[in-house]
N, C-alpha and C. Protein backbone atom coordinates (compact mmCIF):
# COMPACT_ATOMS: atom_id res chain seq x y z
N UNK A 1 1.00 -1.33 -0.08
CA UNK A 1 0.01 -0.10 0.17
C UNK A 1 0.95 1.11 0.08
N UNK A 2 1.93 1.07 0.72
CA UNK A 2 2.74 2.65 0.53
C UNK A 2 3.58 2.36 -0.62
N UNK A 3 3.68 1.70 -1.50
CA UNK A 3 4.00 1.66 -3.00
C UNK A 3 3.06 2.50 -3.62
N UNK A 4 1.68 2.17 -3.51
CA UNK A 4 0.59 2.71 -4.07
C UNK A 4 0.88 4.02 -3.90
N UNK A 5 1.08 4.60 -2.67
CA UNK A 5 0.72 6.01 -2.12
C UNK A 5 1.67 6.70 -2.83
N UNK A 6 3.06 6.28 -2.69
CA UNK A 6 4.10 6.96 -3.63
C UNK A 6 3.88 7.15 -5.05
N UNK A 7 3.41 6.14 -5.82
CA UNK A 7 2.97 6.43 -7.17
C UNK A 7 2.09 7.18 -7.23
N UNK A 8 1.11 7.44 -6.52
CA UNK A 8 -0.08 8.36 -6.44
C UNK A 8 0.55 9.92 -6.45
N UNK A 9 1.53 9.97 -5.96
CA UNK A 9 2.07 11.38 -5.52
C UNK A 9 2.85 11.38 -6.80
N UNK A 10 3.77 10.77 -7.50
CA UNK A 10 4.50 11.01 -8.29
C UNK A 10 3.81 11.66 -9.44
N UNK A 11 2.34 10.77 -9.67
CA UNK A 11 1.50 10.95 -11.02
C UNK A 11 1.08 12.94 -10.65
N UNK A 12 0.70 13.20 -9.71
CA UNK A 12 0.36 14.73 -9.22
C UNK A 12 1.24 15.76 -9.60
N UNK A 13 2.75 15.31 -9.80
CA UNK A 13 3.99 16.16 -10.29
C UNK A 13 3.77 16.11 -11.54
N UNK A 14 3.31 17.33 -12.07
CA UNK A 14 3.55 17.95 -13.62
C UNK A 14 5.20 17.54 -14.36
N UNK A 15 4.75 17.25 -15.61
CA UNK A 15 6.22 17.30 -16.33
C UNK A 15 6.95 18.75 -16.04
N UNK A 16 6.28 19.74 -16.27
CA UNK A 16 7.07 21.06 -15.82
C UNK A 16 7.41 21.13 -14.58
N UNK A 17 6.68 20.22 -13.60
CA UNK A 17 7.40 21.01 -12.29
C UNK A 17 8.58 20.12 -12.26
N UNK A 18 8.74 18.30 -13.15
CA UNK A 18 9.94 18.04 -12.91
C UNK A 18 10.81 18.24 -13.94
N UNK A 19 10.81 19.38 -14.72
CA UNK A 19 11.51 19.88 -15.46
C UNK A 19 12.55 20.86 -14.68
N UNK A 20 11.53 21.53 -14.06
CA UNK A 20 12.46 22.56 -13.19
C UNK A 20 13.00 22.10 -11.93
N UNK A 21 12.75 21.10 -11.50
CA UNK A 21 13.33 20.22 -10.47
C UNK A 21 14.80 19.76 -10.89
N UNK A 22 14.64 19.39 -12.20
CA UNK A 22 15.95 19.16 -12.87
C UNK A 22 17.07 20.38 -13.02
N UNK A 23 16.31 21.25 -13.45
CA UNK A 23 17.15 22.56 -14.07
C UNK A 23 17.56 23.11 -12.73
N UNK A 24 16.76 22.95 -11.48
CA UNK A 24 17.55 23.67 -10.00
C UNK A 24 18.71 22.65 -9.49
N UNK A 25 18.64 21.42 -10.10
CA UNK A 25 19.51 20.61 -9.60
C UNK A 25 20.57 20.44 -10.42
N UNK A 26 21.31 21.19 -11.25
CA UNK A 26 22.25 21.40 -12.23
C UNK A 26 23.40 21.39 -11.55
N UNK A 27 24.29 20.74 -12.37
CA UNK A 27 25.51 20.06 -11.64
C UNK A 27 26.41 21.47 -11.02
N UNK A 28 27.22 21.17 -9.90
CA UNK A 28 27.94 22.50 -9.24
C UNK A 28 29.05 22.81 -10.27
N UNK A 29 29.54 21.57 -10.82
CA UNK A 29 30.69 22.26 -12.17
C UNK A 29 30.06 23.07 -12.85
N UNK A 30 28.76 23.03 -13.39
CA UNK A 30 28.42 23.77 -14.50
C UNK A 30 28.24 25.35 -13.59
N UNK A 31 27.84 25.36 -12.69
CA UNK A 31 27.59 26.68 -11.93
C UNK A 31 28.80 27.36 -11.64
N UNK A 32 29.76 26.49 -11.44
CA UNK A 32 30.99 27.11 -10.81
C UNK A 32 31.87 27.61 -12.55
N UNK A 33 31.56 26.87 -13.59
CA UNK A 33 32.06 27.30 -14.58
C UNK A 33 31.35 28.87 -15.40
N UNK A 34 30.12 28.56 -14.97
CA UNK A 34 29.64 29.83 -15.34
C UNK A 34 29.94 31.24 -14.74
N UNK A 35 30.03 30.82 -13.44
CA UNK A 35 30.72 32.22 -12.47
C UNK A 35 32.08 32.02 -12.95
N UNK A 36 33.06 31.34 -13.30
CA UNK A 36 34.24 31.62 -13.93
C UNK A 36 34.35 32.28 -15.00
N UNK A 37 33.52 32.06 -15.86
CA UNK A 37 33.33 32.86 -17.13
C UNK A 37 33.01 34.25 -17.12
N UNK A 38 31.94 34.35 -16.25
CA UNK A 38 31.65 35.95 -16.05
C UNK A 38 32.60 36.67 -15.44
N UNK A 39 33.06 36.08 -14.28
CA UNK A 39 34.49 36.59 -14.03
C UNK A 39 35.31 37.03 -14.68
N UNK A 40 36.02 36.17 -15.76
CA UNK A 40 37.14 36.43 -16.54
C UNK A 40 36.17 37.84 -17.42
N UNK A 41 35.36 37.88 -17.80
CA UNK A 41 34.82 38.79 -18.85
C UNK A 41 34.81 40.07 -18.08
N UNK A 42 34.38 40.14 -16.75
CA UNK A 42 34.30 41.28 -15.92
C UNK A 42 35.88 42.08 -15.92
N UNK A 43 36.63 40.83 -15.59
CA UNK A 43 37.88 41.37 -15.39
C UNK A 43 38.54 42.02 -16.61
N UNK A 44 38.24 41.22 -17.73
CA UNK A 44 38.78 41.93 -19.13
C UNK A 44 38.28 43.33 -19.20
N UNK A 45 36.57 43.43 -19.05
CA UNK A 45 36.02 44.63 -19.27
C UNK A 45 36.90 45.78 -18.82
N UNK A 46 37.27 45.26 -17.02
CA UNK A 46 37.73 46.15 -16.29
C UNK A 46 38.95 46.59 -16.79
N UNK A 47 40.19 45.65 -17.19
CA UNK A 47 41.39 46.15 -17.59
C UNK A 47 41.25 46.82 -19.16
N UNK A 48 40.32 46.86 -19.52
CA UNK A 48 39.93 47.27 -21.13
C UNK A 48 39.77 48.68 -20.82
N UNK A 49 38.59 49.12 -19.80
CA UNK A 49 38.11 50.53 -19.92
C UNK A 49 38.47 51.18 -18.32
N UNK A 50 38.95 50.62 -17.51
CA UNK A 50 39.12 51.40 -16.29
C UNK A 50 40.28 51.26 -15.46
N UNK A 51 41.05 50.11 -15.49
CA UNK A 51 42.52 50.38 -15.32
C UNK A 51 43.54 49.05 -15.94
N UNK A 52 44.58 49.63 -15.89
CA UNK A 52 45.63 48.91 -16.59
C UNK A 52 46.80 48.64 -15.73
N UNK A 53 48.06 47.89 -15.54
CA UNK A 53 49.13 48.09 -14.80
C UNK A 53 50.43 48.19 -16.01
N UNK A 54 51.44 49.22 -15.91
CA UNK A 54 52.08 49.29 -16.55
C UNK A 54 53.51 49.43 -16.22
N UNK A 55 54.94 49.02 -16.76
CA UNK A 55 56.01 49.35 -15.94
C UNK A 55 56.76 49.96 -16.76
N UNK A 56 57.41 51.27 -15.93
CA UNK A 56 57.95 52.06 -15.99
C UNK A 56 59.21 52.06 -17.18
N UNK A 57 59.70 52.75 -17.80
CA UNK A 57 60.87 52.27 -18.92
C UNK A 57 61.55 53.21 -18.83
N UNK A 58 62.62 53.76 -18.31
CA UNK A 58 63.87 54.81 -18.61
C UNK A 58 63.65 55.86 -17.32
N UNK A 59 64.22 56.78 -17.25
CA UNK A 59 64.39 57.74 -16.28
C UNK A 59 64.00 59.03 -16.08
N UNK A 60 62.97 59.28 -17.25
CA UNK A 60 62.67 61.08 -17.32
C UNK A 60 61.41 60.59 -16.29
N UNK A 61 60.67 60.14 -15.43
CA UNK A 61 60.15 60.50 -14.24
C UNK A 61 60.70 60.10 -13.07
N UNK A 62 61.69 60.48 -12.88
CA UNK A 62 62.44 60.50 -11.60
C UNK A 62 62.54 61.87 -11.08
N UNK A 63 62.26 61.84 -9.72
CA UNK A 63 62.35 60.86 -8.47
C UNK A 63 61.19 60.09 -8.22
N UNK A 64 59.89 60.55 -8.68
CA UNK A 64 58.59 60.31 -8.52
C UNK A 64 58.35 58.54 -8.61
N UNK A 65 58.83 58.31 -10.26
CA UNK A 65 58.88 57.07 -10.67
C UNK A 65 60.31 56.49 -11.40
N UNK A 66 60.55 55.51 -10.80
CA UNK A 66 61.90 54.84 -11.48
C UNK A 66 61.67 53.84 -12.59
N UNK A 67 62.45 53.42 -12.89
CA UNK A 67 62.85 52.07 -14.15
C UNK A 67 62.42 51.09 -13.25
N UNK A 68 61.42 50.50 -14.32
CA UNK A 68 61.19 49.36 -13.96
C UNK A 68 59.99 49.11 -12.64
N UNK A 69 59.65 50.39 -12.14
CA UNK A 69 58.29 50.54 -11.30
C UNK A 69 56.98 49.88 -11.84
N UNK A 70 55.93 49.25 -10.93
CA UNK A 70 54.95 48.62 -11.80
C UNK A 70 54.06 49.48 -11.14
N UNK A 71 53.35 50.31 -12.07
CA UNK A 71 52.40 51.32 -11.84
C UNK A 71 50.94 51.10 -12.13
N UNK A 72 49.81 51.33 -11.27
CA UNK A 72 48.27 50.95 -11.47
C UNK A 72 47.90 52.38 -12.27
N UNK A 73 47.15 52.43 -13.28
CA UNK A 73 46.50 53.40 -14.30
C UNK A 73 45.22 53.09 -14.25
N UNK A 74 44.54 54.31 -13.87
CA UNK A 74 43.16 54.58 -14.11
C UNK A 74 42.85 54.97 -15.70
N UNK A 75 41.71 54.60 -16.14
CA UNK A 75 41.48 55.15 -17.46
C UNK A 75 40.75 56.77 -17.15
N UNK A 76 41.23 57.62 -18.14
CA UNK A 76 41.13 59.26 -18.37
C UNK A 76 39.69 58.93 -18.92
N UNK A 77 38.79 57.80 -19.26
CA UNK A 77 38.05 58.30 -20.29
C UNK A 77 36.52 59.10 -19.41
N UNK A 78 36.66 58.81 -18.00
CA UNK A 78 35.40 59.54 -17.63
C UNK A 78 36.18 60.83 -16.56
N UNK A 79 37.18 61.13 -16.95
CA UNK A 79 37.62 62.14 -16.04
C UNK A 79 38.78 63.10 -16.80
N UNK A 80 38.39 64.49 -17.04
CA UNK A 80 39.49 65.06 -18.05
C UNK A 80 40.91 65.53 -16.89
N UNK A 81 41.93 65.07 -17.61
CA UNK A 81 43.43 65.35 -17.16
C UNK A 81 43.31 66.77 -16.39
N UNK A 82 44.01 66.75 -15.50
CA UNK A 82 43.78 68.11 -14.52
C UNK A 82 45.77 68.23 -14.46
N UNK A 83 45.85 69.54 -14.32
CA UNK A 83 47.39 70.10 -13.75
C UNK A 83 48.07 69.19 -12.55
N UNK A 84 49.05 68.53 -13.13
CA UNK A 84 49.65 67.81 -11.95
C UNK A 84 49.67 66.54 -12.05
N UNK A 85 48.74 65.98 -12.93
CA UNK A 85 48.34 64.66 -13.36
C UNK A 85 49.81 63.59 -13.92
N UNK A 86 49.79 62.71 -13.25
CA UNK A 86 50.79 62.07 -13.96
C UNK A 86 50.18 60.96 -14.80
N UNK A 87 50.26 60.87 -16.13
CA UNK A 87 49.28 60.51 -17.10
C UNK A 87 50.26 59.43 -17.89
N UNK A 88 49.83 58.65 -18.83
CA UNK A 88 50.39 57.44 -19.41
C UNK A 88 49.83 57.40 -21.18
N UNK A 89 50.50 57.58 -21.94
CA UNK A 89 49.68 57.87 -23.70
C UNK A 89 50.95 57.21 -23.95
N UNK A 90 50.22 56.99 -25.49
CA UNK A 90 50.74 56.20 -26.62
C UNK A 90 50.35 57.02 -27.64
N UNK A 91 51.60 57.33 -28.52
CA UNK A 91 51.61 58.43 -29.58
C UNK A 91 52.71 57.36 -30.73
N UNK A 92 52.33 56.56 -31.51
CA UNK A 92 52.99 55.96 -32.36
C UNK A 92 54.08 56.69 -33.39
N UNK A 93 53.90 57.86 -33.30
CA UNK A 93 54.54 58.76 -34.35
C UNK A 93 55.80 59.29 -33.27
N UNK A 94 55.57 59.16 -31.95
CA UNK A 94 56.75 59.25 -31.02
C UNK A 94 57.31 57.97 -30.60
N UNK A 95 56.46 57.07 -30.03
CA UNK A 95 57.08 56.17 -29.73
C UNK A 95 55.98 54.87 -29.92
N UNK A 96 56.31 53.42 -30.06
CA UNK A 96 55.26 52.83 -29.77
C UNK A 96 54.86 52.06 -28.70
N UNK A 97 55.69 52.22 -27.66
CA UNK A 97 55.45 51.78 -26.09
C UNK A 97 54.57 52.85 -25.53
N UNK A 98 54.07 52.74 -24.55
CA UNK A 98 53.22 53.84 -23.66
C UNK A 98 54.48 54.53 -22.98
N UNK A 99 54.02 55.54 -22.83
CA UNK A 99 55.23 56.68 -22.36
C UNK A 99 54.41 57.69 -20.94
N UNK A 100 55.31 57.51 -20.12
CA UNK A 100 54.25 58.40 -18.64
C UNK A 100 54.79 59.74 -18.54
N UNK A 101 54.20 60.74 -18.24
CA UNK A 101 55.01 62.20 -17.98
C UNK A 101 53.77 62.65 -17.39
N UNK A 102 54.04 64.05 -16.68
CA UNK A 102 53.36 64.74 -16.08
C UNK A 102 52.42 66.32 -16.87
N UNK A 103 51.44 66.38 -16.46
CA UNK A 103 50.42 67.39 -17.10
C UNK A 103 51.16 68.54 -16.52
N UNK A 104 51.15 69.48 -17.11
CA UNK A 104 51.79 70.82 -16.80
C UNK A 104 50.51 72.01 -17.28
N UNK A 105 49.93 71.55 -18.27
CA UNK A 105 48.96 72.72 -18.30
C UNK A 105 47.98 72.15 -19.52
N UNK A 106 46.81 72.60 -19.57
CA UNK A 106 45.96 72.04 -20.15
C UNK A 106 45.49 73.08 -21.39
N UNK A 107 44.34 72.58 -22.23
CA UNK A 107 43.56 73.39 -23.30
C UNK A 107 43.43 74.92 -22.71
N UNK A 108 44.11 75.86 -23.59
CA UNK A 108 43.51 77.24 -23.36
C UNK A 108 45.03 77.99 -22.49
N UNK A 109 45.57 77.12 -21.78
CA UNK A 109 46.63 77.75 -20.97
C UNK A 109 47.87 78.13 -21.52
N UNK A 110 48.80 78.87 -20.99
CA UNK A 110 49.72 79.24 -21.59
C UNK A 110 50.98 79.20 -20.60
N UNK A 111 51.69 78.36 -21.38
CA UNK A 111 52.92 77.66 -20.47
C UNK A 111 54.29 78.94 -21.00
N UNK A 112 55.10 79.15 -19.86
CA UNK A 112 56.68 79.67 -20.40
C UNK A 112 57.33 79.48 -19.44
N UNK A 113 58.91 79.30 -19.96
CA UNK A 113 59.78 78.55 -19.31
C UNK A 113 61.16 79.39 -19.32
N UNK A 114 61.61 79.64 -18.02
CA UNK A 114 63.16 80.62 -18.01
C UNK A 114 63.63 79.29 -18.26
N UNK A 115 64.92 79.44 -19.09
CA UNK A 115 66.01 78.16 -19.06
C UNK A 115 66.71 78.82 -18.57
N UNK A 116 66.90 80.33 -17.92
CA UNK A 116 67.77 80.53 -17.01
C UNK A 116 68.02 80.29 -15.66
N UNK A 117 66.77 80.45 -15.17
CA UNK A 117 66.55 80.26 -13.99
C UNK A 117 65.72 78.72 -13.56
N UNK A 118 65.14 78.46 -14.69
CA UNK A 118 64.73 76.72 -14.87
C UNK A 118 63.02 77.13 -14.27
N UNK A 119 62.41 78.57 -14.08
CA UNK A 119 61.28 78.47 -13.78
C UNK A 119 60.17 78.26 -14.73
N UNK A 120 59.26 77.64 -14.12
CA UNK A 120 58.01 77.36 -15.33
C UNK A 120 56.78 77.93 -14.83
N UNK A 121 56.56 78.67 -15.71
CA UNK A 121 55.01 79.32 -15.33
C UNK A 121 54.04 79.12 -16.14
N UNK A 122 52.68 78.95 -15.32
CA UNK A 122 51.51 78.47 -16.27
C UNK A 122 50.28 79.76 -16.21
N UNK A 123 50.03 80.82 -17.06
CA UNK A 123 48.85 81.59 -17.04
C UNK A 123 49.91 82.58 -15.96
N UNK A 124 51.30 82.90 -16.02
CA UNK A 124 51.63 83.84 -15.30
C UNK A 124 52.33 83.51 -13.88
N UNK A 125 51.54 82.41 -13.27
CA UNK A 125 51.99 81.80 -12.03
C UNK A 125 53.43 81.20 -12.17
N UNK A 126 53.86 81.12 -11.41
CA UNK A 126 55.23 80.39 -11.15
C UNK A 126 55.00 79.04 -10.30
N UNK A 127 55.26 77.66 -11.14
CA UNK A 127 54.75 76.55 -10.47
C UNK A 127 55.41 76.35 -9.31
N UNK A 128 54.90 75.72 -8.47
CA UNK A 128 55.73 75.13 -7.23
C UNK A 128 56.25 73.67 -7.43
N UNK A 129 57.07 73.51 -7.70
CA UNK A 129 57.33 72.08 -8.56
C UNK A 129 58.26 70.84 -7.35
N UNK A 130 57.86 70.55 -6.16
CA UNK A 130 58.41 69.68 -5.45
C UNK A 130 58.60 68.38 -6.10
N UNK A 131 58.18 67.91 -7.20
CA UNK A 131 58.34 66.81 -7.62
C UNK A 131 59.23 66.56 -8.99
N UNK A 132 59.94 67.80 -9.04
CA UNK A 132 61.05 67.65 -10.20
C UNK A 132 62.32 67.14 -9.34
N UNK A 133 63.50 66.41 -10.18
CA UNK A 133 64.84 66.12 -10.01
C UNK A 133 65.56 67.30 -9.74
N UNK A 134 65.68 68.10 -11.20
CA UNK A 134 66.05 69.08 -11.33
C UNK A 134 65.89 70.51 -11.98
N UNK A 135 66.10 71.40 -11.86
CA UNK A 135 65.21 72.81 -12.35
C UNK A 135 65.41 72.48 -14.10
N UNK A 136 64.35 72.97 -14.77
CA UNK A 136 64.29 73.26 -15.99
C UNK A 136 65.15 73.99 -17.02
N UNK A 137 66.21 73.63 -17.18
CA UNK A 137 67.15 74.34 -17.96
C UNK A 137 67.61 73.64 -18.84
N UNK A 138 67.03 72.87 -19.64
CA UNK A 138 67.11 72.39 -21.08
C UNK A 138 66.02 72.36 -21.86
N UNK A 139 66.46 73.43 -23.24
CA UNK A 139 65.57 74.09 -23.76
C UNK A 139 65.16 72.90 -24.92
N UNK A 140 64.05 73.04 -25.59
CA UNK A 140 63.74 72.27 -26.97
C UNK A 140 63.63 73.16 -27.81
N UNK A 141 63.14 72.79 -28.87
CA UNK A 141 62.66 73.54 -30.37
C UNK A 141 61.39 74.15 -30.31
N UNK A 142 60.65 73.73 -29.40
CA UNK A 142 59.09 74.45 -29.00
C UNK A 142 59.49 75.80 -28.73
N UNK A 143 58.97 77.00 -29.34
CA UNK A 143 58.74 78.23 -28.60
C UNK A 143 58.10 78.61 -27.70
N UNK A 144 58.76 79.44 -26.68
CA UNK A 144 57.81 79.72 -25.68
C UNK A 144 57.61 81.67 -25.30
N UNK A 145 56.62 82.01 -25.07
CA UNK A 145 55.49 81.42 -24.11
C UNK A 145 54.84 80.72 -25.28
N UNK A 146 53.99 79.38 -24.89
CA UNK A 146 53.28 78.45 -25.89
C UNK A 146 51.89 78.51 -24.84
N UNK A 147 50.80 78.50 -25.81
CA UNK A 147 49.67 78.39 -25.67
C UNK A 147 49.16 76.81 -25.74
N UNK A 148 48.42 76.22 -24.91
CA UNK A 148 47.95 74.84 -25.11
C UNK A 148 46.75 74.79 -26.01
N UNK A 149 46.53 74.25 -27.39
CA UNK A 149 45.68 74.26 -28.39
C UNK A 149 44.37 73.34 -27.57
N UNK A 150 43.05 73.46 -28.08
CA UNK A 150 42.08 72.94 -27.42
C UNK A 150 41.84 71.17 -27.71
N UNK A 151 41.67 70.50 -26.91
CA UNK A 151 41.71 69.38 -26.87
C UNK A 151 43.04 68.81 -26.73
N UNK A 152 43.94 69.42 -25.93
CA UNK A 152 45.44 69.16 -26.04
C UNK A 152 46.04 69.18 -24.48
N UNK A 153 46.72 68.60 -24.10
CA UNK A 153 47.65 69.45 -22.71
C UNK A 153 49.19 69.12 -23.03
N UNK A 154 49.84 69.70 -22.35
CA UNK A 154 51.18 70.22 -22.08
C UNK A 154 51.84 69.08 -21.42
N UNK A 155 52.91 68.54 -21.59
CA UNK A 155 53.43 67.54 -20.63
C UNK A 155 54.99 67.67 -20.59
N UNK A 156 55.55 67.20 -19.48
CA UNK A 156 56.79 67.57 -19.08
C UNK A 156 57.19 66.20 -18.16
N UNK A 157 58.81 65.80 -18.29
CA UNK A 157 59.00 64.75 -17.31
C UNK A 157 59.51 65.40 -15.87
N UNK A 158 59.53 64.53 -15.10
CA UNK A 158 60.12 65.35 -13.61
C UNK A 158 61.35 65.23 -13.64
N UNK A 159 61.92 64.41 -14.42
CA UNK A 159 63.33 64.68 -14.60
C UNK A 159 64.02 65.66 -15.83
N UNK A 160 63.68 66.76 -15.21
CA UNK A 160 63.69 67.83 -16.60
C UNK A 160 64.57 67.55 -17.61
N UNK A 161 65.97 67.43 -17.43
CA UNK A 161 67.25 67.33 -18.05
C UNK A 161 67.74 66.17 -18.60
N UNK A 162 66.47 65.04 -18.35
CA UNK A 162 66.62 63.79 -19.07
C UNK A 162 65.28 63.20 -19.70
N UNK A 163 64.47 63.99 -20.28
CA UNK A 163 63.47 64.08 -20.48
C UNK A 163 62.99 64.70 -21.93
N UNK A 164 62.53 63.54 -22.91
CA UNK A 164 61.93 64.33 -24.17
C UNK A 164 60.48 64.45 -23.83
N UNK A 165 59.79 65.79 -24.35
CA UNK A 165 58.73 65.83 -23.87
C UNK A 165 58.18 67.17 -24.59
N UNK A 166 57.01 67.49 -24.09
CA UNK A 166 56.42 68.98 -24.75
C UNK A 166 57.51 70.12 -25.21
N UNK A 167 58.35 70.07 -24.64
CA UNK A 167 59.75 70.97 -25.02
C UNK A 167 60.06 70.52 -26.42
N UNK A 168 60.12 69.54 -27.21
CA UNK A 168 60.41 69.00 -28.47
C UNK A 168 59.04 68.76 -29.04
N UNK A 169 59.45 69.49 -30.49
CA UNK A 169 58.23 68.94 -31.54
C UNK A 169 58.08 67.73 -32.02
N UNK A 170 59.16 66.67 -31.93
CA UNK A 170 58.70 65.55 -32.02
C UNK A 170 57.68 64.72 -31.44
N UNK A 171 57.31 65.29 -29.94
CA UNK A 171 56.33 64.70 -29.09
C UNK A 171 55.28 66.25 -29.24
N UNK A 172 55.61 67.31 -28.78
CA UNK A 172 55.14 68.51 -28.67
C UNK A 172 53.44 68.45 -27.72
N UNK A 173 52.84 69.23 -27.96
CA UNK A 173 51.41 69.09 -26.87
C UNK A 173 50.73 67.96 -27.53
N UNK A 174 50.11 67.36 -26.43
CA UNK A 174 49.62 66.07 -26.51
C UNK A 174 48.02 66.17 -27.02
N UNK A 175 47.65 65.33 -27.89
CA UNK A 175 46.16 65.07 -28.01
C UNK A 175 45.80 64.58 -27.08
N UNK A 176 44.45 64.74 -26.10
CA UNK A 176 43.89 64.04 -25.11
C UNK A 176 43.42 62.46 -25.87
N UNK A 177 43.04 62.50 -26.71
CA UNK A 177 42.84 61.13 -27.75
C UNK A 177 44.08 59.95 -27.62
N UNK A 178 45.27 60.43 -27.31
CA UNK A 178 46.32 59.53 -27.10
C UNK A 178 46.50 59.22 -25.74
N UNK A 179 45.63 59.57 -24.59
CA UNK A 179 45.92 59.24 -23.39
C UNK A 179 45.25 57.97 -22.74
N UNK A 180 46.13 57.13 -22.29
CA UNK A 180 45.28 55.87 -21.53
C UNK A 180 45.01 56.28 -20.17
N UNK A 181 45.71 56.63 -19.84
CA UNK A 181 44.99 56.85 -18.19
C UNK A 181 45.83 57.84 -17.25
N UNK A 182 45.40 57.43 -16.07
CA UNK A 182 46.34 58.37 -15.51
C UNK A 182 47.02 57.35 -13.97
N UNK A 183 48.29 57.68 -14.05
CA UNK A 183 49.10 56.58 -13.20
C UNK A 183 48.87 57.05 -11.34
N UNK A 184 48.50 56.19 -10.73
CA UNK A 184 47.78 56.61 -9.54
C UNK A 184 48.70 56.09 -7.94
N UNK A 185 49.10 54.82 -8.38
CA UNK A 185 49.91 54.04 -7.29
C UNK A 185 50.82 53.13 -8.07
N UNK A 186 51.90 53.19 -7.12
CA UNK A 186 53.51 52.42 -7.31
C UNK A 186 52.67 51.20 -6.62
N UNK A 187 52.71 49.67 -7.79
CA UNK A 187 52.02 48.31 -6.97
C UNK A 187 53.64 47.82 -6.48
N UNK A 188 54.41 47.67 -7.16
CA UNK A 188 55.62 46.92 -7.04
C UNK A 188 57.19 48.27 -7.53
N UNK A 189 57.52 48.31 -6.66
CA UNK A 189 58.62 49.23 -6.61
C UNK A 189 59.94 48.54 -7.52
N UNK A 190 60.56 49.40 -8.69
CA UNK A 190 61.90 48.42 -9.35
C UNK A 190 62.91 48.76 -8.41
N UNK A 191 64.18 47.62 -8.34
CA UNK A 191 65.09 48.24 -8.00
C UNK A 191 65.77 49.21 -8.30
N UNK A 192 66.64 49.78 -7.10
CA UNK A 192 67.53 50.89 -7.34
C UNK A 192 68.59 50.49 -8.26
N UNK A 193 69.67 51.44 -8.09
CA UNK A 193 70.97 51.07 -8.94
C UNK A 193 71.85 49.75 -8.04
N UNK A 194 71.60 50.00 -7.14
CA UNK A 194 72.29 48.64 -6.18
C UNK A 194 71.82 47.28 -6.34
N UNK A 195 70.32 47.44 -6.59
CA UNK A 195 69.64 46.37 -7.16
C UNK A 195 68.92 45.97 -6.15
N UNK A 196 68.69 46.76 -4.94
CA UNK A 196 67.96 46.60 -4.10
C UNK A 196 66.31 47.63 -4.15
N UNK A 197 65.26 46.69 -3.54
CA UNK A 197 63.61 47.36 -3.81
C UNK A 197 63.35 47.92 -2.32
N UNK A 198 62.87 49.14 -2.69
CA UNK A 198 62.79 50.00 -1.63
C UNK A 198 60.82 49.97 -1.57
N UNK A 199 60.46 49.27 -0.49
CA UNK A 199 58.92 48.55 -0.51
C UNK A 199 58.30 49.69 -0.02
N UNK A 200 58.94 50.78 0.48
CA UNK A 200 58.52 51.61 1.25
C UNK A 200 57.43 52.86 0.24
N UNK A 201 58.16 52.69 -1.04
CA UNK A 201 57.86 53.66 -1.95
C UNK A 201 56.26 53.09 -2.67
N UNK A 202 55.94 52.09 -2.51
CA UNK A 202 54.58 51.39 -2.53
C UNK A 202 53.51 52.77 -2.25
N UNK A 203 52.55 53.03 -2.95
CA UNK A 203 51.70 53.62 -2.79
C UNK A 203 51.19 54.77 -3.76
N UNK A 204 50.78 55.92 -3.31
CA UNK A 204 50.14 56.77 -4.61
C UNK A 204 51.41 57.52 -5.44
N UNK A 205 51.13 57.86 -6.28
CA UNK A 205 52.06 58.54 -7.14
C UNK A 205 52.10 60.01 -6.90
N UNK A 206 52.75 60.84 -6.45
CA UNK A 206 53.04 61.91 -5.82
C UNK A 206 53.41 62.95 -7.09
């Protein structure tokens, strides 16, 4: 009689209910696979549109950034560059690799440099530049005063006398469309001349 009762209960379960029950009991590995796929897609989108990690090449941004520093870069798609930002860009006519410099002036602003005193002025105000390695004493072939064009920024390296930047027409002012993002944080410091790594340098780019 118990068997007859069980058969009656099974008859009362509709085919659609049995299908839902089977779907709810999907294998764990399938759920895990779906989660991994979506995680990979989200990570790819994040690194495409929001963040990336670059390795610093060269000494033009010393002392803020050194050779082989690994730096976190946030996209500038959602924020206009500001004076003082350290930005990463790619301009194939200059270099095929990503390049990192500091924004000194934005569109409409006028930059002037006194290469005798090393003073850099923007709209007539002398910049306070605690981030530079040396005074700006090396000129390029760009004439000053220089007014930045619409949609462009004017960039300099912090190691002013060992940097190719907007002072030279080979780069010149930089169209904002070449910007990849803003360098915001040192994730892994590069070793110094002795091969030692100063882990205290981890943190925000100043």
